[in-house]
Amino acid sequence: MSDAYGAITFSKSNDCIIDSLMLTQELNSFIWCNDDANWMYSEENDALRITSSRLQYPVAIPEFDEFLHVRNNDGTWTTYNASEADDSILDQMSSVTSAPYSLEELSRRLSPHIKKGWVEIACCANEKGRYVYFQSLRICSNGTAIKRNVWSGPCVDPIDENESYEP
């Protein structure tokens, strides 16, 4: 089985003013890849970066667990809403269906920590010989959120999405 490895970057506008501590804390409340990568702020060079150097399935548009799937003893499947699942369901869980956070939700959670300008998270990755992808998420101090999502390769249906949210 192949894995998609890639990188995540953080950039900001030249005039950007952020509450670095609060933004880092909020960014770390999302899942950005399949490993335990976290965001760290470097005061020395006034930059945020992701901690892992070998990211598996990185994303710039984070996702949340929407449904949990449990395989029953008789071979059938039961699906549960992840937000309503208790510990017994989590213990039996066989698979998960994830969904991207809405731009409205990402704006609501991230823009309060951007006092001026914009920040952008971008990623790219490839699964050797199967597909490549690029994603970016730009959040502005006024709450505007812009998403790009591009996938290409012989083993995926091509995707070229551009979406924005204005509060």
Protein backbone atom coordinates (compact mmCIF):
# COMPACT_ATOMS: atom_id res chain seq x y z
CA MET A 1 0.00 0.00 0.00
CA SER A 2 1.30 3.42 -0.90
CA ASP A 3 1.04 6.50 1.25
CA ALA A 4 0.67 10.11 0.21
CA TYR A 5 3.51 12.14 1.67
CA GLY A 6 3.87 15.86 1.42
CA ALA A 7 4.36 19.19 3.12
CA ILE A 8 2.35 21.96 4.77
CA THR A 9 3.36 25.61 4.73
CA PHE A 10 2.15 28.68 6.60
CA SER A 11 2.45 32.16 5.11
CA LYS A 12 0.97 35.57 5.82
CA SER A 13 0.54 38.91 4.13
CA ASN A 14 3.28 41.52 4.59
CA ASP A 15 0.96 43.66 6.72
CA CYS A 16 -0.33 40.72 8.79
CA ILE A 17 -0.76 41.08 12.54
CA ILE A 18 -1.80 37.93 14.43
CA ASP A 19 -2.22 36.78 18.00
CA SER A 20 0.37 34.04 17.52
CA LEU A 21 -0.32 32.14 20.73
CA MET A 22 -4.09 31.99 20.23
CA LEU A 23 -3.84 31.22 16.51
CA THR A 24 -1.38 28.38 17.18
CA GLN A 25 -3.69 27.00 19.87
CA GLU A 26 -6.70 27.12 17.52
CA LEU A 27 -4.76 25.55 14.62
CA ASN A 28 -3.80 22.70 16.94
CA SER A 29 -7.47 21.95 17.60
CA PHE A 30 -7.70 20.65 14.00
CA ILE A 31 -6.17 17.56 12.40
CA TRP A 32 -3.80 18.44 9.54
CA CYS A 33 -2.43 14.97 8.63
CA ASN A 34 -2.42 11.30 9.65
CA ASP A 35 0.37 11.64 12.20
CA ASP A 36 0.74 13.66 15.39
CA ALA A 37 1.92 16.91 13.81
CA ASN A 38 1.27 20.14 15.67
CA TRP A 39 1.76 23.81 14.90
CA MET A 40 4.54 25.67 16.69
CA TYR A 41 5.25 29.38 16.78
CA SER A 42 8.85 30.58 16.59
CA GLU A 43 9.24 33.98 18.19
CA GLU A 44 12.79 34.19 16.85
CA ASN A 45 11.65 34.46 13.22
CA ASP A 46 7.97 35.29 13.84
CA ALA A 47 6.73 32.22 11.96
CA LEU A 48 4.44 29.26 12.42
CA ARG A 49 5.42 25.82 11.21
CA ILE A 50 4.14 22.28 11.46
CA THR A 51 6.31 19.99 13.60
CA SER A 52 6.53 16.85 11.47
CA SER A 53 8.93 16.72 8.54
CA ARG A 54 7.35 13.65 6.88
CA LEU A 55 3.63 14.31 6.75
CA GLN A 56 1.24 11.55 5.68
CA TYR A 57 -1.88 12.72 3.83
CA PRO A 58 -1.47 16.41 4.75
CA VAL A 59 -4.43 18.75 4.27
CA ALA A 60 -4.89 22.51 4.20
CA ILE A 61 -8.64 22.17 4.66
CA PRO A 62 -8.96 20.19 7.89
CA GLU A 63 -11.61 17.52 8.31
CA PHE A 64 -13.65 16.19 11.22
CA ASP A 65 -15.05 12.74 11.90
CA GLU A 66 -18.66 12.85 10.72
CA PHE A 67 -19.72 9.19 10.97
CA LEU A 68 -18.37 6.14 12.77
CA HIS A 69 -18.95 2.67 11.32
CA VAL A 70 -19.18 -0.45 13.47
CA ARG A 71 -19.14 -3.97 12.05
CA ASN A 72 -21.68 -6.11 13.87
CA ASN A 73 -21.13 -9.77 14.79
CA ASP A 74 -23.43 -10.86 11.95
CA GLY A 75 -21.32 -8.97 9.38
CA THR A 76 -23.70 -6.05 8.93
CA TRP A 77 -22.66 -2.44 9.51
CA THR A 78 -24.14 0.20 11.78
CA THR A 79 -23.34 3.89 11.27
CA TYR A 80 -23.34 6.43 14.10
CA ASN A 81 -23.10 10.20 14.08
CA ALA A 82 -19.61 10.83 15.50
CA SER A 83 -20.74 13.78 17.61
CA GLU A 84 -23.21 11.54 19.42
CA ALA A 85 -20.99 8.47 19.88
CA ASP A 86 -20.18 7.24 23.35
CA ASP A 87 -17.13 5.27 24.53
CA SER A 88 -18.70 1.88 23.78
CA ILE A 89 -19.17 2.85 20.12
CA LEU A 90 -15.64 4.28 19.92
CA ASP A 91 -14.27 0.97 21.27
CA GLN A 92 -16.07 -1.00 18.51
CA MET A 93 -15.43 1.44 15.66
CA SER A 94 -14.13 -0.16 12.45
CA SER A 95 -13.94 2.89 10.16
CA VAL A 96 -14.68 6.59 9.97
CA THR A 97 -16.19 8.89 7.36
CA SER A 98 -14.71 12.37 7.50
CA ALA A 99 -15.90 15.66 6.05
CA PRO A 100 -14.13 19.00 5.58
CA TYR A 101 -14.94 21.86 7.92
CA SER A 102 -16.99 24.55 6.22
CA LEU A 103 -15.29 27.79 5.30
CA GLU A 104 -17.75 29.57 7.58
CA GLU A 105 -16.63 27.44 10.54
CA LEU A 106 -12.93 27.87 9.73
CA SER A 107 -13.42 31.64 9.41
CA ARG A 108 -15.35 31.81 12.69
CA ARG A 109 -12.61 29.96 14.55
CA LEU A 110 -9.47 31.43 12.94
CA SER A 111 -10.21 35.02 11.85
CA PRO A 112 -10.55 36.43 15.42
CA HIS A 113 -6.83 35.75 15.88
CA ILE A 114 -5.89 37.70 12.73
CA LYS A 115 -5.89 41.40 13.54
CA LYS A 116 -4.80 42.63 10.11
CA GLY A 117 -4.09 41.04 6.71
CA TRP A 118 -4.38 37.33 5.99
CA VAL A 119 -2.80 33.96 6.73
CA GLU A 120 -2.57 31.03 4.37
CA ILE A 121 -2.00 27.33 4.94
CA ALA A 122 -1.06 25.32 1.87
CA CYS A 123 -0.12 21.71 1.28
CA CYS A 124 0.89 19.41 -1.51
CA ALA A 125 1.38 15.66 -1.57
CA ASN A 126 1.58 12.71 -3.91
CA GLU A 127 0.93 9.01 -3.81
CA LYS A 128 3.62 7.63 -6.07
CA GLY A 129 2.33 7.21 -9.60
CA ARG A 130 -1.32 7.44 -8.54
CA TYR A 131 -2.17 11.09 -7.85
CA VAL A 132 -0.92 14.47 -6.71
CA TYR A 133 -2.83 17.19 -4.91
CA PHE A 134 -2.58 20.79 -3.78
CA GLN A 135 -4.79 22.60 -1.28
CA SER A 136 -4.73 26.07 0.23
CA LEU A 137 -6.80 27.89 2.81
CA ARG A 138 -6.57 31.66 3.18
CA ILE A 139 -8.28 33.37 6.12
CA CYS A 140 -8.48 37.17 6.23
CA SER A 141 -8.86 39.45 9.23
CA ASN A 142 -12.34 40.49 7.98
CA GLY A 143 -13.50 36.85 8.05
CA THR A 144 -13.20 36.15 4.33
CA ALA A 145 -12.08 32.56 3.69
CA ILE A 146 -10.79 31.20 0.38
CA LYS A 147 -10.17 27.56 -0.45
CA ARG A 148 -8.40 25.92 -3.39
CA ASN A 149 -8.36 22.15 -3.90
CA VAL A 150 -6.73 20.55 -6.95
CA TRP A 151 -6.21 16.81 -7.54
CA SER A 152 -4.85 15.08 -10.63
CA GLY A 153 -3.53 11.70 -11.66
CA PRO A 154 -4.48 8.41 -13.27
CA CYS A 155 -6.17 7.01 -10.13
CA VAL A 156 -8.46 9.93 -9.20
CA ASP A 157 -11.20 11.90 -10.84
CA PRO A 158 -9.68 15.34 -11.49
CA ILE A 159 -10.73 18.05 -9.02
CA ASP A 160 -10.27 21.79 -9.44
CA GLU A 161 -12.30 23.57 -6.76
CA ASN A 162 -12.24 27.21 -5.77
CA GLU A 163 -14.59 28.37 -3.05
CA SER A 164 -14.91 31.46 -0.89
CA TYR A 165 -16.91 32.61 2.08
CA GLU A 166 -17.72 36.23 2.95
CA PRO A 167 -19.23 36.90 6.39
